[in-house]
Amino acid sequence: MYIQGGRIDQLTKLQYFKWEDKFRKQKPYSLLMQAPDGFPSVNYTHESGPPETVEDVRGREHEFTLDQHGFALRVQDLPAIDFNGEHVEEEYFPLVRQLIRDECGLETEIVIFDWRLRSSGPRRTEHGAAEYVNLADPQLYLRPAVVAHVMRPDQTPNAARRRVLHHVPERGEDLLNSKRFRIINVWRPMASAVQDCPLACCDGSTVRPEDMVPVDTVRSSVVGESWQVMYRDYYRWYYVSKQTKNEALLIKMFDSDKARHGLTRRLESDCPHTSFKIDGVPASAPPRESIEVRALVFNHG
């Protein structure tokens, strides 16, 4: 831990994709469904990187933007909401749409297609590597994700296209011809300020295409593709110390804008992110409980 001008930087080891020569011939995959007997549900592993500094953005939140860094922190009051049921869609989704429109334009079309609850405490769903958990059930509290990744099975260009066609089949082709198409996640704590397992975001401008490995993510209803991240010593990682429920992180997962995606050496349109443990957090500290909402975002004009 380093305290600089009120900011609390953290020194920690993050988890990364472990490259193996077999991936030259066999694509990495993960089955998010019941695997056949004797068939491995995943064919890759992760490894710890060396100690890295995760910088606190406190006091300079305005410096970070979706287009330049792949993430942005925005303030929005969160009223009392029951996050266990249909109240999420009725009461919380409108707040998410407002956040995205404030950031991306009032005429933005938004299709929310998934949401996820996570907890580092007793409400989390415990499961081993061989156990099946229905990830299609958004009311399960999953454990914080502790591997550097570009979240979920829809972040490569081909998979992003499939995601649109899957969720909006009647208008998918027209939407894909929009001036700009993005996938944006909105992440925030639900109650107490985060003391442990905060979310770290990697500055997308420090990540190169060759640092990312495409991984098939197989569900019973759709086959997606996500990015896993290999360790490099030039990444810049950031987090929000003691992030509150009134502070939302907008994280860009995909961007069709060719000026930012596919024609440069950097990946400003992708934001690797991961949770990490903070040393010295007292056992009495409240667990981290968070909600993440995933949205397809279209700009037509």
C-alpha atoms as a PDB file:
ATOM      1  CA  MET A   1       0.000   0.000   0.000  1.00  0.00           C
ATOM      2  CA  TYR A   2       1.222   3.496  -0.889  1.00  0.00           C
ATOM      3  CA  ILE A   3      -0.533   6.673   0.275  1.00  0.00           C
ATOM      4  CA  GLN A   4       0.070   9.622  -2.049  1.00  0.00           C
ATOM      5  CA  GLY A   5      -1.789  12.892  -1.617  1.00  0.00           C
ATOM      6  CA  GLY A   6      -4.844  11.145  -0.190  1.00  0.00           C
ATOM      7  CA  ARG A   7      -4.750   8.371  -2.794  1.00  0.00           C
ATOM      8  CA  ILE A   8      -4.191   4.792  -1.669  1.00  0.00           C
ATOM      9  CA  ASP A   9      -2.257   2.824  -4.288  1.00  0.00           C
ATOM     10  CA  GLN A  10      -2.069  -0.944  -3.843  1.00  0.00           C
ATOM     11  CA  LEU A  11       0.774  -3.394  -4.539  1.00  0.00           C
ATOM     12  CA  THR A  12      -0.659  -6.780  -5.460  1.00  0.00           C
ATOM     13  CA  LYS A  13      -0.322  -9.819  -7.702  1.00  0.00           C
ATOM     14  CA  LEU A  14      -2.983 -10.187 -10.384  1.00  0.00           C
ATOM     15  CA  GLN A  15      -4.052 -13.366 -12.165  1.00  0.00           C
ATOM     16  CA  TYR A  16      -3.426 -13.813 -15.906  1.00  0.00           C
ATOM     17  CA  PHE A  17      -3.969 -16.352 -18.677  1.00  0.00           C
ATOM     18  CA  LYS A  18      -1.177 -18.941 -18.814  1.00  0.00           C
ATOM     19  CA  TRP A  19      -0.006 -19.543 -22.363  1.00  0.00           C
ATOM     20  CA  GLU A  20       0.786 -23.116 -23.459  1.00  0.00           C
ATOM     21  CA  ASP A  21       2.111 -24.326 -26.814  1.00  0.00           C
ATOM     22  CA  LYS A  22      -0.967 -26.519 -27.285  1.00  0.00           C
ATOM     23  CA  PHE A  23      -2.956 -23.364 -28.031  1.00  0.00           C
ATOM     24  CA  ARG A  24      -1.168 -23.053 -31.370  1.00  0.00           C
ATOM     25  CA  LYS A  25      -3.394 -25.925 -32.522  1.00  0.00           C
ATOM     26  CA  GLN A  26      -6.197 -26.046 -29.949  1.00  0.00           C
ATOM     27  CA  LYS A  27      -8.302 -23.016 -29.082  1.00  0.00           C
ATOM     28  CA  PRO A  28      -8.833 -22.317 -25.375  1.00  0.00           C
ATOM     29  CA  TYR A  29     -12.402 -22.867 -24.214  1.00  0.00           C
ATOM     30  CA  SER A  30     -14.615 -22.777 -21.143  1.00  0.00           C
ATOM     31  CA  LEU A  31     -17.934 -24.613 -20.802  1.00  0.00           C
ATOM     32  CA  LEU A  32     -20.545 -22.630 -18.869  1.00  0.00           C
ATOM     33  CA  MET A  33     -22.917 -25.563 -18.973  1.00  0.00           C
ATOM     34  CA  GLN A  34     -23.064 -29.163 -17.790  1.00  0.00           C
ATOM     35  CA  ALA A  35     -20.041 -30.894 -19.349  1.00  0.00           C
ATOM     36  CA  PRO A  36     -20.336 -34.464 -20.683  1.00  0.00           C
ATOM     37  CA  ASP A  37     -18.864 -37.112 -18.405  1.00  0.00           C
ATOM     38  CA  GLY A  38     -15.109 -37.237 -18.745  1.00  0.00           C
ATOM     39  CA  PHE A  39     -14.938 -34.042 -20.808  1.00  0.00           C
ATOM     40  CA  PRO A  40     -12.963 -31.205 -19.177  1.00  0.00           C
ATOM     41  CA  SER A  41     -15.021 -28.062 -18.651  1.00  0.00           C
ATOM     42  CA  VAL A  42     -11.986 -25.839 -19.300  1.00  0.00           C
ATOM     43  CA  ASN A  43      -8.665 -26.451 -21.071  1.00  0.00           C
ATOM     44  CA  TYR A  44      -6.583 -23.534 -19.820  1.00  0.00           C
ATOM     45  CA  THR A  45      -5.241 -22.229 -16.516  1.00  0.00           C
ATOM     46  CA  HIS A  46      -4.115 -18.969 -14.940  1.00  0.00           C
ATOM     47  CA  GLU A  47      -0.967 -17.804 -13.206  1.00  0.00           C
ATOM     48  CA  SER A  48       0.016 -14.967 -10.880  1.00  0.00           C
ATOM     49  CA  GLY A  49       1.976 -12.105 -12.323  1.00  0.00           C
ATOM     50  CA  PRO A  50       4.719 -10.350 -10.339  1.00  0.00           C
ATOM     51  CA  PRO A  51       3.766  -7.598  -7.871  1.00  0.00           C
ATOM     52  CA  GLU A  52       2.106  -4.676  -9.679  1.00  0.00           C
ATOM     53  CA  THR A  53       0.907  -1.277  -8.562  1.00  0.00           C
ATOM     54  CA  VAL A  54      -2.820  -0.627  -8.897  1.00  0.00           C
ATOM     55  CA  GLU A  55      -3.187   3.152  -8.787  1.00  0.00           C
ATOM     56  CA  ASP A  56      -6.032   4.893  -6.972  1.00  0.00           C
ATOM     57  CA  VAL A  57      -7.994   7.315  -9.167  1.00  0.00           C
ATOM     58  CA  ARG A  58      -9.251   9.354  -6.197  1.00  0.00           C
ATOM     59  CA  GLY A  59      -8.858  13.065  -6.854  1.00  0.00           C
ATOM     60  CA  ARG A  60      -8.351  12.624 -10.591  1.00  0.00           C
ATOM     61  CA  GLU A  61     -11.476  10.764 -11.626  1.00  0.00           C
ATOM     62  CA  HIS A  62     -12.084  13.256 -14.443  1.00  0.00           C
ATOM     63  CA  GLU A  63      -8.868  12.196 -16.194  1.00  0.00           C
ATOM     64  CA  PHE A  64     -10.248   8.805 -17.271  1.00  0.00           C
ATOM     65  CA  THR A  65     -12.658   8.423 -20.199  1.00  0.00           C
ATOM     66  CA  LEU A  66     -14.264   5.575 -22.108  1.00  0.00           C
ATOM     67  CA  ASP A  67     -12.644   6.548 -25.398  1.00  0.00           C
ATOM     68  CA  GLN A  68      -9.114   7.092 -24.098  1.00  0.00           C
ATOM     69  CA  HIS A  69      -8.854   4.489 -21.341  1.00  0.00           C
ATOM     70  CA  GLY A  70     -11.832   2.149 -21.731  1.00  0.00           C
ATOM     71  CA  PHE A  71     -13.382   3.059 -18.372  1.00  0.00           C
ATOM     72  CA  ALA A  72     -14.884   6.047 -16.575  1.00  0.00           C
ATOM     73  CA  LEU A  73     -16.179   6.727 -13.056  1.00  0.00           C
ATOM     74  CA  ARG A  74     -19.442   8.619 -12.756  1.00  0.00           C
ATOM     75  CA  VAL A  75     -21.486   9.782  -9.752  1.00  0.00           C
ATOM     76  CA  GLN A  76     -25.153   8.799  -9.556  1.00  0.00           C
ATOM     77  CA  ASP A  77     -27.258   8.528  -6.417  1.00  0.00           C
ATOM     78  CA  LEU A  78     -28.516   4.991  -5.858  1.00  0.00           C
ATOM     79  CA  PRO A  79     -31.895   4.825  -4.079  1.00  0.00           C
ATOM     80  CA  ALA A  80     -32.945   1.870  -1.952  1.00  0.00           C
ATOM     81  CA  ILE A  81     -33.571  -1.028  -4.358  1.00  0.00           C
ATOM     82  CA  ASP A  82     -34.318  -4.702  -3.777  1.00  0.00           C
ATOM     83  CA  PHE A  83     -31.715  -6.363  -5.999  1.00  0.00           C
ATOM     84  CA  ASN A  84     -33.207  -9.838  -5.548  1.00  0.00           C
ATOM     85  CA  GLY A  85     -35.807 -10.118  -8.263  1.00  0.00           C
ATOM     86  CA  GLU A  86     -37.768  -8.198 -10.863  1.00  0.00           C
ATOM     87  CA  HIS A  87     -37.039  -4.940  -9.039  1.00  0.00           C
ATOM     88  CA  VAL A  88     -33.643  -4.865 -10.767  1.00  0.00           C
ATOM     89  CA  GLU A  89     -35.240  -4.495 -14.192  1.00  0.00           C
ATOM     90  CA  GLU A  90     -38.001  -2.168 -13.010  1.00  0.00           C
ATOM     91  CA  GLU A  91     -36.016   0.123 -10.719  1.00  0.00           C
ATOM     92  CA  TYR A  92     -32.317  -0.202 -11.559  1.00  0.00           C
ATOM     93  CA  PHE A  93     -32.237  -0.588 -15.337  1.00  0.00           C
ATOM     94  CA  PRO A  94     -33.605   2.966 -15.890  1.00  0.00           C
ATOM     95  CA  LEU A  95     -30.676   4.319 -13.855  1.00  0.00           C
ATOM     96  CA  VAL A  96     -28.237   2.341 -15.995  1.00  0.00           C
ATOM     97  CA  ARG A  97     -29.792   3.649 -19.196  1.00  0.00           C
ATOM     98  CA  GLN A  98     -29.537   7.211 -17.904  1.00  0.00           C
ATOM     99  CA  LEU A  99     -25.855   6.766 -17.047  1.00  0.00           C
ATOM    100  CA  ILE A 100     -25.090   5.440 -20.519  1.00  0.00           C
ATOM    101  CA  ARG A 101     -27.086   8.160 -22.284  1.00  0.00           C
ATOM    102  CA  ASP A 102     -25.358  10.869 -20.266  1.00  0.00           C
ATOM    103  CA  GLU A 103     -22.047   9.394 -21.397  1.00  0.00           C
ATOM    104  CA  CYS A 104     -22.811   8.369 -24.984  1.00  0.00           C
ATOM    105  CA  GLY A 105     -25.570  10.727 -26.117  1.00  0.00           C
ATOM    106  CA  LEU A 106     -29.243  11.234 -25.339  1.00  0.00           C
ATOM    107  CA  GLU A 107     -30.317   9.619 -28.629  1.00  0.00           C
ATOM    108  CA  THR A 108     -28.396   6.432 -27.877  1.00  0.00           C
ATOM    109  CA  GLU A 109     -30.362   3.185 -28.245  1.00  0.00           C
ATOM    110  CA  ILE A 110     -29.659   0.784 -25.382  1.00  0.00           C
ATOM    111  CA  VAL A 111     -30.451  -2.925 -25.144  1.00  0.00           C
ATOM    112  CA  ILE A 112     -29.689  -4.396 -21.710  1.00  0.00           C
ATOM    113  CA  PHE A 113     -29.106  -8.118 -22.121  1.00  0.00           C
ATOM    114  CA  ASP A 114     -27.635  -9.399 -18.858  1.00  0.00           C
ATOM    115  CA  TRP A 115     -26.883  -8.559 -15.257  1.00  0.00           C
ATOM    116  CA  ARG A 116     -24.840 -10.220 -12.543  1.00  0.00           C
ATOM    117  CA  LEU A 117     -24.630 -10.089  -8.742  1.00  0.00           C
ATOM    118  CA  ARG A 118     -21.377 -10.855  -6.928  1.00  0.00           C
ATOM    119  CA  SER A 119     -20.481 -11.173  -3.261  1.00  0.00           C
ATOM    120  CA  SER A 120     -17.292 -11.900  -1.351  1.00  0.00           C
ATOM    121  CA  GLY A 121     -19.400 -12.883   1.676  1.00  0.00           C
ATOM    122  CA  PRO A 122     -21.673 -15.757   2.711  1.00  0.00           C
ATOM    123  CA  ARG A 123     -24.348 -15.011   0.105  1.00  0.00           C
ATOM    124  CA  ARG A 124     -22.040 -16.061  -2.731  1.00  0.00           C
ATOM    125  CA  THR A 125     -22.704 -19.294  -4.595  1.00  0.00           C
ATOM    126  CA  GLU A 126     -19.953 -21.752  -3.703  1.00  0.00           C
ATOM    127  CA  HIS A 127     -18.975 -24.322  -6.295  1.00  0.00           C
ATOM    128  CA  GLY A 128     -15.969 -26.355  -7.274  1.00  0.00           C
ATOM    129  CA  ALA A 129     -14.419 -26.738 -10.706  1.00  0.00           C
ATOM    130  CA  ALA A 130     -16.426 -29.895 -11.392  1.00  0.00           C
ATOM    131  CA  GLU A 131     -19.773 -28.488 -10.267  1.00  0.00           C
ATOM    132  CA  TYR A 132     -22.349 -26.974 -12.581  1.00  0.00           C
ATOM    133  CA  VAL A 133     -23.794 -23.581 -11.753  1.00  0.00           C
ATOM    134  CA  ASN A 134     -26.593 -22.094 -13.842  1.00  0.00           C
ATOM    135  CA  LEU A 135     -24.968 -18.836 -14.928  1.00  0.00           C
ATOM    136  CA  ALA A 136     -28.151 -17.935 -16.768  1.00  0.00           C
ATOM    137  CA  ASP A 137     -29.724 -17.221 -13.374  1.00  0.00           C
ATOM    138  CA  PRO A 138     -28.792 -13.595 -12.593  1.00  0.00           C
ATOM    139  CA  GLN A 139     -30.084 -13.865  -9.025  1.00  0.00           C
ATOM    140  CA  LEU A 140     -27.170 -16.069  -7.979  1.00  0.00           C
ATOM    141  CA  TYR A 141     -24.439 -14.251  -6.081  1.00  0.00           C
ATOM    142  CA  LEU A 142     -21.194 -15.327  -7.745  1.00  0.00           C
ATOM    143  CA  ARG A 143     -17.734 -14.838  -6.312  1.00  0.00           C
ATOM    144  CA  PRO A 144     -15.731 -11.795  -7.456  1.00  0.00           C
ATOM    145  CA  ALA A 145     -13.861 -12.552 -10.680  1.00  0.00           C
ATOM    146  CA  VAL A 146     -10.136 -12.612  -9.878  1.00  0.00           C
ATOM    147  CA  VAL A 147      -8.620 -13.136 -13.350  1.00  0.00           C
ATOM    148  CA  ALA A 148      -7.691 -10.328 -15.758  1.00  0.00           C
ATOM    149  CA  HIS A 149     -10.135 -10.477 -18.659  1.00  0.00           C
ATOM    150  CA  VAL A 150     -12.338  -8.533 -21.009  1.00  0.00           C
ATOM    151  CA  MET A 151     -15.579  -9.568 -19.446  1.00  0.00           C
ATOM    152  CA  ARG A 152     -17.946 -12.216 -20.685  1.00  0.00           C
ATOM    153  CA  PRO A 153     -18.517 -14.117 -23.908  1.00  0.00           C
ATOM    154  CA  ASP A 154     -19.155 -11.290 -26.361  1.00  0.00           C
ATOM    155  CA  GLN A 155     -16.124  -9.061 -26.598  1.00  0.00           C
ATOM    156  CA  THR A 156     -14.296 -10.136 -29.767  1.00  0.00           C
ATOM    157  CA  PRO A 157     -15.682  -8.622 -33.010  1.00  0.00           C
ATOM    158  CA  ASN A 158     -17.259 -11.862 -34.263  1.00  0.00           C
ATOM    159  CA  ALA A 159     -18.789 -12.661 -30.895  1.00  0.00           C
ATOM    160  CA  ALA A 160     -20.118  -9.118 -30.465  1.00  0.00           C
ATOM    161  CA  ARG A 161     -21.908  -9.468 -33.788  1.00  0.00           C
ATOM    162  CA  ARG A 162     -23.378 -12.815 -32.732  1.00  0.00           C
ATOM    163  CA  ARG A 163     -24.485 -11.268 -29.454  1.00  0.00           C
ATOM    164  CA  VAL A 164     -26.542  -8.611 -31.257  1.00  0.00           C
ATOM    165  CA  LEU A 165     -28.132 -11.145 -33.609  1.00  0.00           C
ATOM    166  CA  HIS A 166     -28.962 -13.392 -30.660  1.00  0.00           C
ATOM    167  CA  HIS A 167     -30.644 -10.747 -28.505  1.00  0.00           C
ATOM    168  CA  VAL A 168     -32.263  -8.589 -31.205  1.00  0.00           C
ATOM    169  CA  PRO A 169     -32.791 -11.042 -34.087  1.00  0.00           C
ATOM    170  CA  GLU A 170     -35.534  -9.039 -35.807  1.00  0.00           C
ATOM    171  CA  ARG A 171     -33.387  -5.878 -36.043  1.00  0.00           C
ATOM    172  CA  GLY A 172     -29.885  -7.238 -35.624  1.00  0.00           C
ATOM    173  CA  GLU A 173     -28.533  -6.533 -39.107  1.00  0.00           C
ATOM    174  CA  ASP A 174     -29.859  -2.962 -39.092  1.00  0.00           C
ATOM    175  CA  LEU A 175     -28.423  -2.303 -35.639  1.00  0.00           C
ATOM    176  CA  LEU A 176     -25.024  -3.640 -36.698  1.00  0.00           C
ATOM    177  CA  ASN A 177     -25.035  -1.028 -39.467  1.00  0.00           C
ATOM    178  CA  SER A 178     -25.334   1.766 -36.901  1.00  0.00           C
ATOM    179  CA  LYS A 179     -22.757   4.531 -36.999  1.00  0.00           C
ATOM    180  CA  ARG A 180     -21.254   3.121 -33.817  1.00  0.00           C
ATOM    181  CA  PHE A 181     -21.920   0.019 -31.724  1.00  0.00           C
ATOM    182  CA  ARG A 182     -20.498  -0.572 -28.262  1.00  0.00           C
ATOM    183  CA  ILE A 183     -20.853  -3.049 -25.434  1.00  0.00           C
ATOM    184  CA  ILE A 184     -20.673  -1.272 -22.087  1.00  0.00           C
ATOM    185  CA  ASN A 185     -20.835  -2.745 -18.602  1.00  0.00           C
ATOM    186  CA  VAL A 186     -21.951  -0.680 -15.606  1.00  0.00           C
ATOM    187  CA  TRP A 187     -20.464  -1.878 -12.287  1.00  0.00           C
ATOM    188  CA  ARG A 188     -21.120  -0.543  -8.810  1.00  0.00           C
ATOM    189  CA  PRO A 189     -21.359  -1.625  -5.147  1.00  0.00           C
ATOM    190  CA  MET A 190     -24.892  -2.226  -3.923  1.00  0.00           C
ATOM    191  CA  ALA A 191     -24.548  -1.156  -0.293  1.00  0.00           C
ATOM    192  CA  SER A 192     -21.397  -0.633   1.774  1.00  0.00           C
ATOM    193  CA  ALA A 193     -18.293   1.071   0.429  1.00  0.00           C
ATOM    194  CA  VAL A 194     -15.850  -1.482  -0.976  1.00  0.00           C
ATOM    195  CA  GLN A 195     -13.070  -2.365   1.461  1.00  0.00           C
ATOM    196  CA  ASP A 196     -11.865  -5.612  -0.110  1.00  0.00           C
ATOM    197  CA  CYS A 197     -11.973  -7.162  -3.584  1.00  0.00           C
ATOM    198  CA  PRO A 198     -12.339  -3.837  -5.436  1.00  0.00           C
ATOM    199  CA  LEU A 199     -12.496  -3.827  -9.222  1.00  0.00           C
ATOM    200  CA  ALA A 200      -9.265  -2.931 -11.032  1.00  0.00           C
ATOM    201  CA  CYS A 201      -9.437  -1.588 -14.594  1.00  0.00           C
ATOM    202  CA  CYS A 202      -6.525  -1.662 -17.018  1.00  0.00           C
ATOM    203  CA  ASP A 203      -5.907   1.408 -19.174  1.00  0.00           C
ATOM    204  CA  GLY A 204      -6.864   0.094 -22.618  1.00  0.00           C
ATOM    205  CA  SER A 205      -4.245   2.293 -24.283  1.00  0.00           C
ATOM    206  CA  THR A 206      -1.508   0.202 -22.625  1.00  0.00           C
ATOM    207  CA  VAL A 207      -2.777  -3.114 -24.029  1.00  0.00           C
ATOM    208  CA  ARG A 208      -1.749  -4.507 -27.423  1.00  0.00           C
ATOM    209  CA  PRO A 209      -3.714  -6.980 -29.553  1.00  0.00           C
ATOM    210  CA  GLU A 210      -1.055  -9.663 -29.137  1.00  0.00           C
ATOM    211  CA  ASP A 211      -1.493  -9.505 -25.345  1.00  0.00           C
ATOM    212  CA  MET A 212      -5.006 -10.945 -25.622  1.00  0.00           C
ATOM    213  CA  VAL A 213      -6.047 -14.550 -26.250  1.00  0.00           C
ATOM    214  CA  PRO A 214      -9.526 -15.336 -27.668  1.00  0.00           C
ATOM    215  CA  VAL A 215     -11.344 -18.010 -25.677  1.00  0.00           C
ATOM    216  CA  ASP A 216     -14.544 -19.805 -26.672  1.00  0.00           C
ATOM    217  CA  THR A 217     -17.183 -19.498 -23.958  1.00  0.00           C
ATOM    218  CA  VAL A 218     -19.845 -22.152 -24.466  1.00  0.00           C
ATOM    219  CA  ARG A 219     -23.332 -21.928 -22.984  1.00  0.00           C
ATOM    220  CA  SER A 220     -26.283 -24.178 -23.713  1.00  0.00           C
ATOM    221  CA  SER A 221     -27.955 -21.399 -25.728  1.00  0.00           C
ATOM    222  CA  VAL A 222     -25.046 -19.585 -27.390  1.00  0.00           C
ATOM    223  CA  VAL A 223     -21.326 -19.884 -28.100  1.00  0.00           C
ATOM    224  CA  GLY A 224     -19.483 -16.679 -27.318  1.00  0.00           C
ATOM    225  CA  GLU A 225     -15.898 -15.543 -27.371  1.00  0.00           C
ATOM    226  CA  SER A 226     -14.049 -13.555 -24.724  1.00  0.00           C
ATOM    227  CA  TRP A 227     -10.548 -12.181 -24.316  1.00  0.00           C
ATOM    228  CA  GLN A 228      -8.183 -13.536 -21.696  1.00  0.00           C
ATOM    229  CA  VAL A 229      -5.154 -11.398 -20.872  1.00  0.00           C
ATOM    230  CA  MET A 230      -1.507 -12.475 -20.632  1.00  0.00           C
ATOM    231  CA  TYR A 231       0.864 -10.655 -18.290  1.00  0.00           C
ATOM    232  CA  ARG A 232       2.916  -7.752 -19.642  1.00  0.00           C
ATOM    233  CA  ASP A 233       4.996  -5.299 -17.629  1.00  0.00           C
ATOM    234  CA  TYR A 234       3.678  -2.210 -19.431  1.00  0.00           C
ATOM    235  CA  TYR A 235       0.045  -2.373 -18.303  1.00  0.00           C
ATOM    236  CA  ARG A 236      -1.338   0.454 -16.150  1.00  0.00           C
ATOM    237  CA  TRP A 237      -3.928  -0.651 -13.599  1.00  0.00           C
ATOM    238  CA  TYR A 238      -6.353   1.577 -11.664  1.00  0.00           C
ATOM    239  CA  TYR A 239      -9.068   1.211  -9.029  1.00  0.00           C
ATOM    240  CA  VAL A 240     -11.363   3.375  -6.886  1.00  0.00           C
ATOM    241  CA  SER A 241     -10.530   3.254  -3.185  1.00  0.00           C
ATOM    242  CA  LYS A 242     -13.605   2.679  -1.003  1.00  0.00           C
ATOM    243  CA  GLN A 243     -15.941   2.973  -3.956  1.00  0.00           C
ATOM    244  CA  THR A 244     -19.490   3.715  -2.812  1.00  0.00           C
ATOM    245  CA  LYS A 245     -22.890   2.719  -4.142  1.00  0.00           C
ATOM    246  CA  ASN A 246     -23.260   6.236  -5.564  1.00  0.00           C
ATOM    247  CA  GLU A 247     -20.220   5.757  -7.825  1.00  0.00           C
ATOM    248  CA  ALA A 248     -20.599   3.696 -10.998  1.00  0.00           C
ATOM    249  CA  LEU A 249     -17.825   2.408 -13.232  1.00  0.00           C
ATOM    250  CA  LEU A 250     -18.630   2.363 -16.939  1.00  0.00           C
ATOM    251  CA  ILE A 251     -16.403  -0.214 -18.641  1.00  0.00           C
ATOM    252  CA  LYS A 252     -16.170  -0.550 -22.419  1.00  0.00           C
ATOM    253  CA  MET A 253     -16.039  -4.143 -23.655  1.00  0.00           C
ATOM    254  CA  PHE A 254     -16.279  -3.591 -27.406  1.00  0.00           C
ATOM    255  CA  ASP A 255     -16.311  -0.650 -29.816  1.00  0.00           C
ATOM    256  CA  SER A 256     -17.019  -0.841 -33.545  1.00  0.00           C
ATOM    257  CA  ASP A 257     -15.443   2.568 -34.161  1.00  0.00           C
ATOM    258  CA  LYS A 258     -12.663   1.672 -36.609  1.00  0.00           C
ATOM    259  CA  ALA A 259     -10.634   4.687 -35.528  1.00  0.00           C
ATOM    260  CA  ARG A 260     -10.293   3.070 -32.121  1.00  0.00           C
ATOM    261  CA  HIS A 261     -10.695  -0.630 -32.806  1.00  0.00           C
ATOM    262  CA  GLY A 262      -8.752  -2.779 -35.242  1.00  0.00           C
ATOM    263  CA  LEU A 263      -6.633  -0.110 -36.960  1.00  0.00           C
ATOM    264  CA  THR A 264      -4.326   0.774 -34.087  1.00  0.00           C
ATOM    265  CA  ARG A 265      -1.746  -1.101 -32.060  1.00  0.00           C
ATOM    266  CA  ARG A 266      -3.566  -0.288 -28.846  1.00  0.00           C
ATOM    267  CA  LEU A 267      -6.938  -1.413 -27.557  1.00  0.00           C
ATOM    268  CA  GLU A 268      -8.612   1.691 -26.190  1.00  0.00           C
ATOM    269  CA  SER A 269     -11.910  -0.012 -26.979  1.00  0.00           C
ATOM    270  CA  ASP A 270     -11.261  -2.927 -24.628  1.00  0.00           C
ATOM    271  CA  CYS A 271     -10.819  -2.629 -20.880  1.00  0.00           C
ATOM    272  CA  PRO A 272      -9.351  -5.668 -19.122  1.00  0.00           C
ATOM    273  CA  HIS A 273     -10.471  -5.773 -15.522  1.00  0.00           C
ATOM    274  CA  THR A 274     -10.346  -7.990 -12.447  1.00  0.00           C
ATOM    275  CA  SER A 275     -10.987  -7.994  -8.719  1.00  0.00           C
ATOM    276  CA  PHE A 276      -8.093  -8.230  -6.288  1.00  0.00           C
ATOM    277  CA  LYS A 277      -7.570  -8.811  -2.574  1.00  0.00           C
ATOM    278  CA  ILE A 278      -6.297  -6.021  -0.320  1.00  0.00           C
ATOM    279  CA  ASP A 279      -3.944  -7.030   2.480  1.00  0.00           C
ATOM    280  CA  GLY A 280      -4.820  -6.053   6.032  1.00  0.00           C
ATOM    281  CA  VAL A 281      -8.580  -5.732   5.635  1.00  0.00           C
ATOM    282  CA  PRO A 282     -10.148  -6.592   9.029  1.00  0.00           C
ATOM    283  CA  ALA A 283     -12.301  -9.703   9.232  1.00  0.00           C
ATOM    284  CA  SER A 284     -15.168  -7.519  10.474  1.00  0.00           C
ATOM    285  CA  ALA A 285     -15.259  -5.537   7.210  1.00  0.00           C
ATOM    286  CA  PRO A 286     -18.515  -5.937   5.265  1.00  0.00           C
ATOM    287  CA  PRO A 287     -18.307  -8.181   2.192  1.00  0.00           C
ATOM    288  CA  ARG A 288     -18.113  -6.649  -1.236  1.00  0.00           C
ATOM    289  CA  GLU A 289     -21.482  -6.950  -2.913  1.00  0.00           C
ATOM    290  CA  SER A 290     -21.827  -5.556  -6.412  1.00  0.00           C
ATOM    291  CA  ILE A 291     -24.072  -5.523  -9.446  1.00  0.00           C
ATOM    292  CA  GLU A 292     -22.907  -5.421 -13.045  1.00  0.00           C
ATOM    293  CA  VAL A 293     -25.248  -4.703 -15.948  1.00  0.00           C
ATOM    294  CA  ARG A 294     -24.297  -5.366 -19.561  1.00  0.00           C
ATOM    295  CA  ALA A 295     -25.698  -3.353 -22.446  1.00  0.00           C
ATOM    296  CA  LEU A 296     -25.566  -3.132 -26.234  1.00  0.00           C
ATOM    297  CA  VAL A 297     -25.233   0.552 -27.115  1.00  0.00           C
ATOM    298  CA  PHE A 298     -26.029   1.939 -30.577  1.00  0.00           C
ATOM    299  CA  ASN A 299     -25.482   5.425 -32.006  1.00  0.00           C
ATOM    300  CA  HIS A 300     -27.453   5.824 -35.233  1.00  0.00           C
ATOM    301  CA  GLY A 301     -26.714   9.401 -36.246  1.00  0.00           C
END
